[in-house]
Amino acid sequence: MILIGLAGGLFILFQAFNLKIKSQGEIPEEVTSILKSACYDCHTTEARNVEARTALNFEKWDDLRATKKIGLLGKINELVGEDKMPPAKYLQYNPEKKLTESQKQVILDWTTEESSVLMEGE
């Protein structure tokens, strides 16, 4: 019985440690890879689309306040979940940038988890 309690305590401690690492605002590598392939053309400093770059610039992600990140994560989740990002007009000329169902799920999971972690830290 003590062994089970100790294992449970270690699990909780491990989960708390993971949340602390995630809440440092670093985007996981798997997510970064997807963002680079499907989003960076419009959402980085070098993007020609000023409106998209102004709305969200991933190169400035680390400089954003937690409240701003939470709002952006919600918007990313909404738009990706509704198949509105990348936008249809962009995909007409860049069909290879369309997110697969698997990639969408990775983004949706990340935005949900990261929002929760950031809200707990507020």
N, C-alpha and C. Protein backbone atom coordinates (compact mmCIF):
# COMPACT_ATOMS: atom_id res chain seq x y z
N MET A 1 0.83 -1.19 0.00
CA MET A 1 0.00 0.00 0.00
C MET A 1 0.88 1.25 0.00
N ILE A 2 1.93 1.23 0.79
CA ILE A 2 2.85 2.38 0.84
C ILE A 2 3.51 2.57 -0.52
N LEU A 3 3.85 1.47 -1.15
CA LEU A 3 4.49 1.54 -2.47
C LEU A 3 3.57 2.20 -3.50
N ILE A 4 2.28 1.87 -3.46
CA ILE A 4 1.31 2.48 -4.37
C ILE A 4 1.20 3.98 -4.10
N GLY A 5 1.15 4.36 -2.82
CA GLY A 5 1.09 5.78 -2.45
C GLY A 5 2.32 6.53 -2.91
N LEU A 6 3.48 5.90 -2.75
CA LEU A 6 4.73 6.52 -3.19
C LEU A 6 4.75 6.68 -4.70
N ALA A 7 4.29 5.66 -5.42
CA ALA A 7 4.24 5.73 -6.89
C ALA A 7 3.28 6.83 -7.32
N GLY A 8 2.13 6.94 -6.66
CA GLY A 8 1.17 7.99 -6.98
C GLY A 8 1.75 9.37 -6.72
N GLY A 9 2.46 9.51 -5.60
CA GLY A 9 3.10 10.79 -5.29
C GLY A 9 4.15 11.16 -6.31
N LEU A 10 4.93 10.19 -6.74
CA LEU A 10 5.94 10.46 -7.76
C LEU A 10 5.29 10.84 -9.08
N PHE A 11 4.18 10.20 -9.41
CA PHE A 11 3.47 10.54 -10.64
C PHE A 11 2.98 11.99 -10.59
N ILE A 12 2.39 12.38 -9.47
CA ILE A 12 1.90 13.76 -9.33
C ILE A 12 3.06 14.74 -9.41
N LEU A 13 4.16 14.43 -8.74
CA LEU A 13 5.34 15.28 -8.80
C LEU A 13 5.86 15.39 -10.23
N PHE A 14 5.90 14.26 -10.93
CA PHE A 14 6.36 14.25 -12.32
C PHE A 14 5.45 15.12 -13.18
N GLN A 15 4.13 15.00 -13.00
CA GLN A 15 3.19 15.81 -13.78
C GLN A 15 3.38 17.30 -13.48
N ALA A 16 3.58 17.64 -12.22
CA ALA A 16 3.80 19.04 -11.86
C ALA A 16 5.08 19.56 -12.51
N PHE A 17 6.12 18.73 -12.54
CA PHE A 17 7.38 19.13 -13.17
C PHE A 17 7.18 19.36 -14.66
N ASN A 18 6.43 18.47 -15.32
CA ASN A 18 6.15 18.64 -16.74
C ASN A 18 5.39 19.92 -17.01
N LEU A 19 4.40 20.24 -16.18
CA LEU A 19 3.64 21.47 -16.37
C LEU A 19 4.54 22.69 -16.24
N LYS A 20 5.45 22.62 -15.30
CA LYS A 20 6.36 23.75 -15.11
C LYS A 20 7.22 23.97 -16.35
N ILE A 21 7.71 22.91 -16.94
CA ILE A 21 8.51 23.04 -18.15
C ILE A 21 7.65 23.59 -19.28
N LYS A 22 6.46 23.03 -19.48
CA LYS A 22 5.60 23.48 -20.57
C LYS A 22 5.22 24.95 -20.41
N SER A 23 5.03 25.41 -19.19
CA SER A 23 4.54 26.76 -18.97
C SER A 23 5.61 27.82 -19.22
N GLN A 24 6.81 27.42 -19.54
CA GLN A 24 7.86 28.39 -19.82
C GLN A 24 7.66 29.03 -21.19
N GLY A 25 6.62 28.62 -21.90
CA GLY A 25 6.28 29.27 -23.15
C GLY A 25 6.99 28.73 -24.38
N GLU A 26 7.80 27.73 -24.22
CA GLU A 26 8.49 27.17 -25.37
C GLU A 26 7.53 26.29 -26.15
N ILE A 27 7.52 26.48 -27.44
CA ILE A 27 6.65 25.69 -28.30
C ILE A 27 7.34 24.35 -28.55
N PRO A 28 6.65 23.23 -28.29
CA PRO A 28 7.25 21.91 -28.51
C PRO A 28 7.73 21.73 -29.95
N GLU A 29 8.77 20.95 -30.12
CA GLU A 29 9.39 20.75 -31.44
C GLU A 29 8.40 20.22 -32.47
N GLU A 30 7.54 19.27 -32.08
CA GLU A 30 6.57 18.72 -33.03
C GLU A 30 5.63 19.82 -33.52
N VAL A 31 5.21 20.70 -32.61
CA VAL A 31 4.34 21.82 -32.99
C VAL A 31 5.11 22.80 -33.86
N THR A 32 6.33 23.13 -33.48
CA THR A 32 7.16 24.06 -34.25
C THR A 32 7.34 23.57 -35.68
N SER A 33 7.55 22.29 -35.84
CA SER A 33 7.73 21.72 -37.18
C SER A 33 6.48 21.94 -38.04
N ILE A 34 5.31 21.73 -37.46
CA ILE A 34 4.06 21.94 -38.19
C ILE A 34 3.88 23.42 -38.51
N LEU A 35 4.14 24.28 -37.53
CA LEU A 35 3.99 25.72 -37.74
C LEU A 35 4.92 26.21 -38.84
N LYS A 36 6.15 25.72 -38.83
CA LYS A 36 7.11 26.12 -39.87
C LYS A 36 6.62 25.74 -41.25
N SER A 37 6.05 24.56 -41.38
CA SER A 37 5.64 24.09 -42.70
C SER A 37 4.32 24.70 -43.17
N ALA A 38 3.43 25.05 -42.25
CA ALA A 38 2.10 25.50 -42.67
C ALA A 38 1.77 26.95 -42.33
N CYS A 39 2.51 27.57 -41.42
CA CYS A 39 2.10 28.88 -40.91
C CYS A 39 3.13 29.99 -41.07
N TYR A 40 4.40 29.63 -41.11
CA TYR A 40 5.45 30.66 -41.09
C TYR A 40 5.49 31.54 -42.34
N ASP A 41 4.95 31.06 -43.46
CA ASP A 41 4.95 31.91 -44.66
C ASP A 41 4.21 33.23 -44.42
N CYS A 42 3.22 33.20 -43.54
CA CYS A 42 2.42 34.41 -43.28
C CYS A 42 2.61 34.97 -41.87
N HIS A 43 3.07 34.16 -40.95
CA HIS A 43 3.09 34.57 -39.55
C HIS A 43 4.50 34.65 -38.96
N THR A 44 5.41 35.28 -39.70
CA THR A 44 6.76 35.58 -39.20
C THR A 44 7.16 36.97 -39.70
N THR A 45 8.25 37.45 -39.21
CA THR A 45 8.72 38.79 -39.54
C THR A 45 8.92 39.00 -41.03
N GLU A 46 9.36 37.97 -41.74
CA GLU A 46 9.65 38.09 -43.17
C GLU A 46 8.41 37.98 -44.06
N ALA A 47 7.26 37.69 -43.48
CA ALA A 47 6.05 37.50 -44.27
C ALA A 47 5.65 38.78 -45.00
N ARG A 48 5.19 38.61 -46.22
CA ARG A 48 4.73 39.77 -47.02
C ARG A 48 3.34 40.22 -46.59
N ASN A 49 2.54 39.33 -46.06
CA ASN A 49 1.19 39.66 -45.64
C ASN A 49 1.24 40.38 -44.30
N VAL A 50 1.19 41.71 -44.35
CA VAL A 50 1.34 42.53 -43.15
C VAL A 50 0.22 42.25 -42.15
N GLU A 51 -0.99 42.06 -42.64
CA GLU A 51 -2.13 41.81 -41.75
C GLU A 51 -1.93 40.53 -40.95
N ALA A 52 -1.54 39.46 -41.63
CA ALA A 52 -1.31 38.17 -40.95
C ALA A 52 -0.13 38.27 -40.00
N ARG A 53 0.92 38.91 -40.44
CA ARG A 53 2.13 39.06 -39.62
C ARG A 53 1.83 39.88 -38.37
N THR A 54 0.99 40.90 -38.50
CA THR A 54 0.63 41.73 -37.36
C THR A 54 -0.27 40.97 -36.40
N ALA A 55 -1.19 40.19 -36.92
CA ALA A 55 -2.11 39.43 -36.08
C ALA A 55 -1.37 38.40 -35.24
N LEU A 56 -0.37 37.76 -35.82
CA LEU A 56 0.40 36.72 -35.12
C LEU A 56 1.75 36.56 -35.78
N ASN A 57 2.79 36.82 -35.02
CA ASN A 57 4.15 36.64 -35.50
C ASN A 57 4.83 35.65 -34.56
N PHE A 58 5.03 34.43 -35.02
CA PHE A 58 5.60 33.38 -34.17
C PHE A 58 7.02 33.70 -33.72
N GLU A 59 7.73 34.52 -34.46
CA GLU A 59 9.09 34.88 -34.06
C GLU A 59 9.09 35.76 -32.80
N LYS A 60 7.97 36.35 -32.48
CA LYS A 60 7.86 37.20 -31.29
C LYS A 60 7.09 36.53 -30.16
N TRP A 61 6.81 35.24 -30.31
CA TRP A 61 6.00 34.50 -29.34
C TRP A 61 6.57 34.62 -27.92
N ASP A 62 7.87 34.46 -27.77
CA ASP A 62 8.48 34.49 -26.44
C ASP A 62 8.37 35.86 -25.77
N ASP A 63 8.15 36.91 -26.55
CA ASP A 63 8.05 38.26 -26.00
C ASP A 63 6.64 38.61 -25.53
N LEU A 64 5.67 37.77 -25.85
CA LEU A 64 4.28 38.07 -25.52
C LEU A 64 3.96 37.78 -24.06
N ARG A 65 3.05 38.56 -23.51
CA ARG A 65 2.55 38.32 -22.15
C ARG A 65 1.67 37.08 -22.18
N ALA A 66 1.53 36.45 -21.02
CA ALA A 66 0.72 35.23 -20.92
C ALA A 66 -0.71 35.47 -21.36
N THR A 67 -1.29 36.61 -21.00
CA THR A 67 -2.67 36.89 -21.38
C THR A 67 -2.83 36.99 -22.90
N LYS A 68 -1.86 37.58 -23.57
CA LYS A 68 -1.89 37.67 -25.04
C LYS A 68 -1.76 36.28 -25.65
N LYS A 69 -0.86 35.46 -25.10
CA LYS A 69 -0.69 34.10 -25.61
C LYS A 69 -1.98 33.30 -25.46
N ILE A 70 -2.64 33.45 -24.32
CA ILE A 70 -3.89 32.72 -24.09
C ILE A 70 -4.91 33.08 -25.15
N GLY A 71 -5.04 34.37 -25.44
CA GLY A 71 -5.97 34.81 -26.47
C GLY A 71 -5.61 34.27 -27.84
N LEU A 72 -4.33 34.32 -28.18
CA LEU A 72 -3.89 33.81 -29.48
C LEU A 72 -4.06 32.29 -29.58
N LEU A 73 -3.77 31.59 -28.50
CA LEU A 73 -3.95 30.14 -28.51
C LEU A 73 -5.42 29.78 -28.74
N GLY A 74 -6.32 30.53 -28.13
CA GLY A 74 -7.75 30.30 -28.34
C GLY A 74 -8.14 30.53 -29.79
N LYS A 75 -7.60 31.59 -30.38
CA LYS A 75 -7.90 31.92 -31.77
C LYS A 75 -7.31 30.87 -32.72
N ILE A 76 -6.08 30.44 -32.45
CA ILE A 76 -5.45 29.39 -33.26
C ILE A 76 -6.31 28.13 -33.19
N ASN A 77 -6.72 27.76 -31.99
CA ASN A 77 -7.53 26.56 -31.80
C ASN A 77 -8.83 26.66 -32.58
N GLU A 78 -9.48 27.81 -32.50
CA GLU A 78 -10.74 28.02 -33.22
C GLU A 78 -10.55 27.93 -34.73
N LEU A 79 -9.58 28.65 -35.26
CA LEU A 79 -9.39 28.70 -36.71
C LEU A 79 -8.90 27.38 -37.29
N VAL A 80 -7.98 26.72 -36.60
CA VAL A 80 -7.50 25.42 -37.07
C VAL A 80 -8.62 24.38 -36.97
N GLY A 81 -9.35 24.42 -35.86
CA GLY A 81 -10.45 23.48 -35.66
C GLY A 81 -11.55 23.63 -36.70
N GLU A 82 -11.75 24.85 -37.20
CA GLU A 82 -12.77 25.10 -38.22
C GLU A 82 -12.22 25.06 -39.64
N ASP A 83 -10.99 24.59 -39.80
CA ASP A 83 -10.33 24.50 -41.11
C ASP A 83 -10.21 25.87 -41.80
N LYS A 84 -10.02 26.91 -41.02
CA LYS A 84 -9.87 28.25 -41.59
C LYS A 84 -8.41 28.70 -41.65
N MET A 85 -7.53 27.89 -41.09
CA MET A 85 -6.10 28.15 -41.17
C MET A 85 -5.41 26.86 -41.54
N PRO A 86 -4.49 26.90 -42.47
CA PRO A 86 -4.25 28.01 -43.39
C PRO A 86 -5.51 28.31 -44.19
N PRO A 87 -5.67 29.59 -44.58
CA PRO A 87 -6.88 29.98 -45.30
C PRO A 87 -6.98 29.36 -46.69
N ALA A 88 -8.21 29.19 -47.14
CA ALA A 88 -8.48 28.54 -48.45
C ALA A 88 -7.78 29.27 -49.59
N LYS A 89 -7.77 30.58 -49.56
CA LYS A 89 -7.14 31.36 -50.63
C LYS A 89 -5.64 31.03 -50.73
N TYR A 90 -5.00 30.90 -49.59
CA TYR A 90 -3.57 30.55 -49.55
C TYR A 90 -3.36 29.12 -50.06
N LEU A 91 -4.26 28.22 -49.67
CA LEU A 91 -4.14 26.82 -50.06
C LEU A 91 -4.36 26.60 -51.55
N GLN A 92 -5.06 27.51 -52.21
CA GLN A 92 -5.25 27.40 -53.66
C GLN A 92 -3.90 27.39 -54.37
N TYR A 93 -2.98 28.17 -53.88
CA TYR A 93 -1.65 28.29 -54.50
C TYR A 93 -0.58 27.46 -53.80
N ASN A 94 -0.92 26.96 -52.61
CA ASN A 94 0.03 26.18 -51.82
C ASN A 94 -0.68 24.97 -51.20
N PRO A 95 -1.22 24.07 -52.01
CA PRO A 95 -2.01 22.97 -51.46
C PRO A 95 -1.22 22.04 -50.53
N GLU A 96 0.09 22.02 -50.69
CA GLU A 96 0.93 21.17 -49.83
C GLU A 96 0.98 21.68 -48.38
N LYS A 97 0.50 22.88 -48.15
CA LYS A 97 0.51 23.48 -46.81
C LYS A 97 -0.72 23.09 -45.98
N LYS A 98 -1.67 22.41 -46.61
CA LYS A 98 -2.89 22.00 -45.89
C LYS A 98 -2.51 21.06 -44.75
N LEU A 99 -3.08 21.32 -43.60
CA LEU A 99 -2.81 20.49 -42.43
C LEU A 99 -3.51 19.14 -42.57
N THR A 100 -2.80 18.08 -42.22
CA THR A 100 -3.41 16.77 -42.15
C THR A 100 -4.25 16.71 -40.87
N GLU A 101 -5.11 15.73 -40.77
CA GLU A 101 -5.90 15.56 -39.54
C GLU A 101 -4.98 15.37 -38.33
N SER A 102 -3.91 14.64 -38.52
CA SER A 102 -2.95 14.41 -37.44
C SER A 102 -2.27 15.72 -37.01
N GLN A 103 -1.87 16.52 -37.98
CA GLN A 103 -1.24 17.81 -37.66
C GLN A 103 -2.23 18.73 -36.96
N LYS A 104 -3.46 18.76 -37.44
CA LYS A 104 -4.49 19.57 -36.79
C LYS A 104 -4.64 19.16 -35.33
N GLN A 105 -4.67 17.87 -35.09
CA GLN A 105 -4.87 17.39 -33.71
C GLN A 105 -3.70 17.79 -32.82
N VAL A 106 -2.49 17.74 -33.35
CA VAL A 106 -1.31 18.17 -32.58
C VAL A 106 -1.46 19.65 -32.19
N ILE A 107 -1.85 20.48 -33.15
CA ILE A 107 -2.03 21.91 -32.88
C ILE A 107 -3.16 22.13 -31.89
N LEU A 108 -4.27 21.46 -32.07
CA LEU A 108 -5.41 21.61 -31.16
C LEU A 108 -5.05 21.18 -29.75
N ASP A 109 -4.35 20.07 -29.62
CA ASP A 109 -3.93 19.59 -28.30
C ASP A 109 -2.99 20.59 -27.65
N TRP A 110 -2.02 21.09 -28.41
CA TRP A 110 -1.06 22.05 -27.87
C TRP A 110 -1.75 23.33 -27.41
N THR A 111 -2.63 23.88 -28.24
CA THR A 111 -3.28 25.14 -27.86
C THR A 111 -4.13 24.96 -26.60
N THR A 112 -4.81 23.85 -26.49
CA THR A 112 -5.64 23.58 -25.32
C THR A 112 -4.77 23.41 -24.07
N GLU A 113 -3.75 22.59 -24.17
CA GLU A 113 -2.88 22.33 -23.02
C GLU A 113 -2.11 23.58 -22.60
N GLU A 114 -1.55 24.30 -23.56
CA GLU A 114 -0.75 25.47 -23.24
C GLU A 114 -1.62 26.57 -22.62
N SER A 115 -2.83 26.73 -23.13
CA SER A 115 -3.75 27.71 -22.54
C SER A 115 -4.03 27.39 -21.08
N SER A 116 -4.30 26.10 -20.82
CA SER A 116 -4.58 25.68 -19.44
C SER A 116 -3.40 25.95 -18.52
N VAL A 117 -2.22 25.63 -19.00
CA VAL A 117 -1.02 25.83 -18.20
C VAL A 117 -0.81 27.33 -17.93
N LEU A 118 -0.97 28.14 -18.95
CA LEU A 118 -0.80 29.58 -18.78
C LEU A 118 -1.85 30.17 -17.85
N MET A 119 -3.08 29.68 -17.93
CA MET A 119 -4.14 30.19 -17.05
C MET A 119 -3.88 29.81 -15.59
N GLU A 120 -3.32 28.64 -15.36
CA GLU A 120 -2.98 28.23 -14.00
C GLU A 120 -1.90 29.13 -13.42
N GLY A 121 -1.00 29.60 -14.29
CA GLY A 121 0.10 30.43 -13.83
C GLY A 121 -0.27 31.89 -13.62
N GLU A 122 -1.44 32.29 -14.09
CA GLU A 122 -1.88 33.68 -13.98
C GLU A 122 -2.15 34.06 -12.56
